[in-house]
Protein backbone atom coordinates (compact mmCIF):
# COMPACT_ATOMS: atom_id res chain seq x y z
CA MET A 1 4.34 18.89 9.09
CA LYS A 2 0.74 18.06 8.25
CA ILE A 3 -0.12 14.96 6.28
CA ASP A 4 -3.31 15.28 4.26
CA PHE A 5 -4.88 12.21 2.67
CA ALA A 6 -8.17 13.91 1.80
CA GLY A 7 -9.75 12.21 -1.20
CA GLN A 8 -7.51 9.16 -0.91
CA VAL A 9 -8.56 5.57 -0.23
CA ALA A 10 -6.63 3.24 2.06
CA VAL A 11 -6.90 -0.51 2.62
CA VAL A 12 -5.50 -1.99 5.82
CA THR A 13 -5.18 -5.74 6.33
CA GLY A 14 -4.91 -7.17 9.81
CA ALA A 15 -6.94 -4.13 10.81
CA GLY A 16 -8.32 -5.77 13.92
CA GLY A 17 -4.89 -6.08 15.57
CA GLY A 18 -2.87 -3.55 17.52
CA ILE A 19 -0.85 -2.01 14.70
CA GLY A 20 -3.64 -2.49 12.16
CA ARG A 21 -6.19 -0.65 14.24
CA ALA A 22 -3.74 2.13 15.12
CA VAL A 23 -2.81 2.77 11.49
CA SER A 24 -6.45 2.60 10.37
CA VAL A 25 -7.33 5.34 12.82
CA ALA A 26 -4.24 7.40 11.93
CA LEU A 27 -5.05 7.23 8.22
CA ALA A 28 -8.60 8.38 8.85
CA GLU A 29 -7.40 11.22 11.06
CA ALA A 30 -5.30 12.36 8.09
CA GLY A 31 -8.40 12.37 5.89
CA ALA A 32 -8.32 8.98 4.14
CA ARG A 33 -11.32 6.78 3.57
CA VAL A 34 -10.42 3.41 5.06
CA LEU A 35 -11.38 -0.18 4.34
CA ALA A 36 -10.55 -2.25 7.43
CA VAL A 37 -9.80 -5.88 6.50
CA ASP A 38 -9.37 -8.72 8.98
CA ILE A 39 -9.97 -12.45 9.03
CA SER A 40 -12.30 -11.76 11.95
CA GLN A 41 -15.39 -9.91 10.80
CA SER A 42 -16.11 -8.68 14.33
CA ALA A 43 -12.57 -7.30 14.68
CA ALA A 44 -12.76 -5.58 11.29
CA ARG A 45 -16.13 -4.09 12.22
CA ALA A 46 -14.83 -2.87 15.58
CA THR A 47 -11.94 -1.08 13.87
CA ALA A 48 -14.26 0.51 11.30
CA GLN A 49 -16.46 1.73 14.13
CA ALA A 50 -13.42 3.22 15.90
CA ILE A 51 -12.35 5.17 12.81
CA PRO A 52 -13.11 8.92 12.97
CA GLY A 53 -14.19 9.28 9.38
CA GLU A 54 -15.55 7.39 6.39
CA ALA A 55 -14.82 3.69 6.80
CA ARG A 56 -16.03 0.26 5.82
CA PHE A 57 -14.98 -3.21 6.86
CA CYS A 58 -14.41 -6.52 5.12
CA ALA A 59 -13.70 -10.02 6.44
CA ALA A 60 -11.01 -11.78 4.41
CA ASP A 61 -8.37 -14.47 4.70
CA VAL A 62 -5.27 -12.88 3.16
CA SER A 63 -3.91 -16.27 2.11
CA ASP A 64 -6.91 -16.92 -0.16
CA GLU A 65 -6.57 -15.28 -3.57
CA ALA A 66 -10.29 -14.96 -4.20
CA GLN A 67 -10.76 -13.19 -0.87
CA VAL A 68 -7.81 -10.87 -1.53
CA ARG A 69 -9.29 -9.97 -4.90
CA SER A 70 -12.60 -9.39 -3.12
CA TYR A 71 -11.25 -6.87 -0.60
CA VAL A 72 -9.47 -4.91 -3.33
CA GLU A 73 -12.69 -4.88 -5.35
CA ALA A 74 -14.61 -3.79 -2.25
CA ALA A 75 -12.45 -0.68 -1.93
CA LEU A 76 -12.73 0.07 -5.64
CA GLY A 77 -16.47 -0.54 -5.61
CA ALA A 78 -17.00 1.78 -2.67
CA TRP A 79 -14.71 4.63 -3.65
CA GLY A 80 -13.37 4.00 -7.15
CA ARG A 81 -9.66 4.06 -6.35
CA LEU A 82 -6.89 2.68 -4.16
CA ASP A 83 -4.12 5.03 -3.05
CA ILE A 84 -2.66 3.50 0.11
CA PHE A 85 -2.24 -0.16 0.96
CA MET A 86 -1.14 -1.19 4.42
CA ASN A 87 -0.24 -4.85 3.79
CA ASN A 88 -0.15 -5.56 7.49
CA ALA A 89 -1.78 -8.91 8.34
CA GLY A 90 0.52 -11.43 9.99
CA TRP A 91 0.77 -14.22 12.53
CA GLN A 92 3.58 -15.34 14.78
CA GLY A 93 2.86 -19.09 14.71
CA GLU A 94 3.84 -21.48 17.47
CA VAL A 95 6.75 -20.86 19.83
CA MET A 96 9.02 -23.90 19.67
CA PRO A 97 12.34 -25.13 18.29
CA ILE A 98 12.67 -26.02 14.61
CA ALA A 99 13.11 -29.73 15.39
CA ASP A 100 9.70 -29.79 17.10
CA TYR A 101 7.87 -27.44 14.74
CA PRO A 102 4.87 -29.02 12.96
CA VAL A 103 5.14 -28.77 9.18
CA GLU A 104 1.49 -27.75 8.88
CA MET A 105 2.11 -24.86 11.29
CA PHE A 106 5.15 -23.75 9.28
CA ASP A 107 2.97 -23.77 6.17
CA LYS A 108 0.30 -21.69 7.91
CA VAL A 109 2.82 -19.02 8.98
CA MET A 110 4.15 -18.81 5.43
CA SER A 111 0.65 -18.77 3.99
CA ILE A 112 -0.41 -15.77 6.06
CA ASN A 113 2.82 -13.80 6.27
CA VAL A 114 4.33 -14.42 2.83
CA ARG A 115 1.55 -15.58 0.51
CA GLY A 116 -0.75 -12.96 2.06
CA VAL A 117 1.70 -10.14 1.35
CA PHE A 118 2.39 -11.48 -2.16
CA LEU A 119 -1.31 -11.71 -3.01
CA GLY A 120 -1.96 -8.24 -1.65
CA LEU A 121 0.77 -6.83 -3.87
CA LYS A 122 -0.43 -8.86 -6.86
CA HIS A 123 -3.95 -7.47 -6.69
CA ALA A 124 -3.38 -3.93 -5.39
CA LEU A 125 -0.42 -2.84 -7.52
CA PRO A 126 -2.14 -2.99 -10.94
CA HIS A 127 -4.77 -0.48 -9.81
CA MET A 128 -2.14 1.88 -8.41
CA VAL A 129 -0.10 1.62 -11.60
CA ALA A 130 -3.22 2.39 -13.64
CA GLN A 131 -3.78 5.51 -11.52
CA GLY A 132 -0.14 6.53 -11.88
CA ARG A 133 0.32 6.82 -8.11
CA GLY A 134 0.11 4.82 -4.92
CA ALA A 135 1.98 3.76 -1.80
CA VAL A 136 2.29 0.34 -0.21
CA VAL A 137 3.65 -0.32 3.26
CA ASN A 138 4.26 -3.96 4.13
CA THR A 139 4.65 -4.95 7.76
CA ALA A 140 7.88 -6.86 8.29
CA SER A 141 9.77 -7.00 11.59
CA LEU A 142 13.15 -6.70 13.26
CA GLY A 143 12.96 -10.43 12.56
CA ALA A 144 13.49 -9.58 8.89
CA TYR A 145 17.15 -8.97 9.78
CA ILE A 146 17.91 -11.35 12.63
CA GLY A 147 17.17 -14.88 13.75
CA VAL A 148 14.55 -15.36 16.44
CA ARG A 149 14.93 -18.31 18.79
CA ASN A 150 11.88 -20.64 18.75
CA LEU A 151 10.17 -18.49 16.11
CA ALA A 152 12.19 -19.54 13.07
CA PRO A 153 9.23 -19.72 10.63
CA TYR A 154 8.12 -16.24 11.68
CA ALA A 155 11.62 -14.84 11.17
CA ALA A 156 11.92 -16.59 7.82
CA SER A 157 8.56 -15.19 6.73
CA LYS A 158 9.57 -11.64 7.63
CA HIS A 159 12.85 -12.01 5.73
CA ALA A 160 10.64 -12.95 2.77
CA VAL A 161 8.41 -9.90 3.27
CA LEU A 162 11.48 -7.70 2.96
CA GLY A 163 12.49 -9.51 -0.22
CA LEU A 164 9.02 -9.03 -1.71
CA THR A 165 9.15 -5.36 -0.74
CA LYS A 166 12.45 -4.74 -2.50
CA SER A 167 11.48 -6.69 -5.60
CA ALA A 168 8.04 -5.10 -5.96
CA SER A 169 9.50 -1.63 -5.52
CA LEU A 170 11.81 -2.15 -8.48
CA GLU A 171 8.93 -3.22 -10.70
CA VAL A 172 6.82 -0.11 -10.06
CA ALA A 173 9.37 2.59 -9.18
CA ARG A 174 8.93 4.38 -12.53
CA LYS A 175 5.16 4.01 -12.52
CA GLY A 176 4.38 6.39 -9.67
CA VAL A 177 4.08 3.70 -7.01
CA ARG A 178 6.30 3.22 -3.95
CA VAL A 179 6.65 0.05 -1.87
CA ASN A 180 8.31 0.04 1.54
CA ALA A 181 8.22 -2.02 4.73
CA VAL A 182 8.20 -1.16 8.40
CA CYS A 183 10.39 -3.38 10.57
CA PRO A 184 9.35 -2.96 14.21
CA GLY A 185 11.09 -4.45 17.18
CA PRO A 186 8.83 -5.49 20.07
CA VAL A 187 5.49 -3.65 20.00
CA ASP A 188 3.02 -3.68 22.89
CA THR A 189 0.29 -5.69 21.15
CA PRO A 190 -1.75 -8.81 21.94
CA MET A 191 0.52 -10.77 19.58
CA ILE A 192 3.67 -10.13 21.58
CA ARG A 193 1.88 -10.74 24.86
CA GLU A 194 0.81 -14.13 23.52
CA ILE A 195 4.39 -14.93 22.49
CA GLU A 196 5.69 -13.92 25.92
CA ALA A 197 3.08 -16.01 27.71
CA ARG A 198 4.13 -19.08 25.73
CA GLU A 199 7.85 -18.51 26.17
CA ALA A 200 7.80 -17.50 29.84
CA ARG A 201 5.86 -20.49 31.16
CA GLY A 202 4.46 -18.55 34.08
CA ASP A 203 6.31 -15.25 34.48
CA ALA A 204 5.64 -13.23 31.36
CA ALA A 205 6.12 -9.95 33.23
CA ALA A 206 9.70 -10.87 34.16
CA LEU A 207 10.44 -11.89 30.58
CA ARG A 208 9.02 -8.63 29.31
CA GLY A 209 11.11 -6.65 31.77
CA LYS A 210 14.26 -8.45 30.69
CA ARG A 211 13.55 -7.83 27.03
CA ALA A 212 12.63 -4.19 27.53
CA ALA A 213 15.89 -3.68 29.45
CA SER A 214 17.83 -4.98 26.44
CA ILE A 215 16.37 -2.27 24.16
CA PRO A 216 18.51 0.89 24.16
CA ASP A 217 15.58 3.19 25.01
CA GLY A 218 14.29 0.68 27.57
CA ARG A 219 10.78 -0.03 26.29
CA TYR A 220 8.56 -1.60 23.66
CA ALA A 221 7.04 0.53 20.92
CA GLU A 222 3.41 1.58 21.11
CA PRO A 223 1.21 0.63 18.14
CA ALA A 224 0.57 4.32 17.44
CA GLU A 225 4.32 4.92 17.02
CA VAL A 226 4.53 2.25 14.33
CA ALA A 227 1.35 3.63 12.75
CA ASN A 228 2.89 7.10 12.58
CA LEU A 229 5.86 5.72 10.64
CA MET A 230 3.56 3.84 8.28
CA VAL A 231 1.52 6.97 7.62
CA TYR A 232 4.69 8.93 6.92
CA LEU A 233 5.91 6.31 4.44
CA ALA A 234 2.56 6.47 2.63
CA SER A 235 2.67 10.25 2.41
CA ASP A 236 4.26 12.59 -0.11
CA TYR A 237 6.86 13.50 2.53
CA ALA A 238 8.41 10.11 1.74
CA SER A 239 8.22 10.63 -2.02
CA HIS A 240 11.85 9.56 -2.64
CA ILE A 241 11.75 6.54 -0.34
CA THR A 242 11.02 3.15 -1.90
CA GLY A 243 12.29 -0.41 -1.58
CA GLN A 244 13.30 0.15 2.04
CA GLY A 245 12.83 -1.74 5.27
CA VAL A 246 12.55 1.03 7.85
CA GLU A 247 13.35 -0.07 11.39
CA ILE A 248 11.53 1.24 14.47
CA ASN A 249 12.97 -0.50 17.47
CA GLY A 250 14.26 1.92 20.11
CA GLY A 251 17.85 1.65 18.88
CA SER A 252 18.17 -2.14 18.67
CA ARG A 253 20.36 -3.30 15.84
CA GLY A 254 19.01 -5.59 13.15
């Protein structure tokens, strides 16, 4: 099976992170032109420089509507179309019980993870509908299906991402556009290492070993494995798949 995105344009948010960079590279390897978007300009630039093909970068806060509109316009201005949207940016927030969780931190998690996904859909979908084709992949989580101790706002936000995915897919299903979500379990990224460091209070390696042992296949996913699933969902091989949260978690049950 060979996926060919030649002539297509992809936008990836959160492109400076582990999954974002991996999927940016994978899209380019399949022939897509890629706009790497990240709140950190240096991270977005580094991803664009790592891409083996035509790429540009853009710094944007996904929770700010003007900046979301700007990154969509940047892709359209550079290449005249938008075929693939990896709505990937997210943040885990603080690691603490609900009773201790600062309201402003809850709002920040929701702003990035939910508002950011909503705004991305709001501004990308009309262009895909006008083209008569397009594919969106939102990044949710195993936490879209289960509770997560001491990360309740994160879990709530990922439940919301799945709800947005299902609702958006219904609105555009007969307009040539598909909307799905990937729902990874633990992935070996800087984000999960940061979570483990906060939770472990000194022995993150032991915590990681315990968690890996609880996964049926005994390990965390690699970013490239999640990226491969995202690329598949954006491709014509997934032409009858829409409105789904697709789990990739080594056999864990959501």
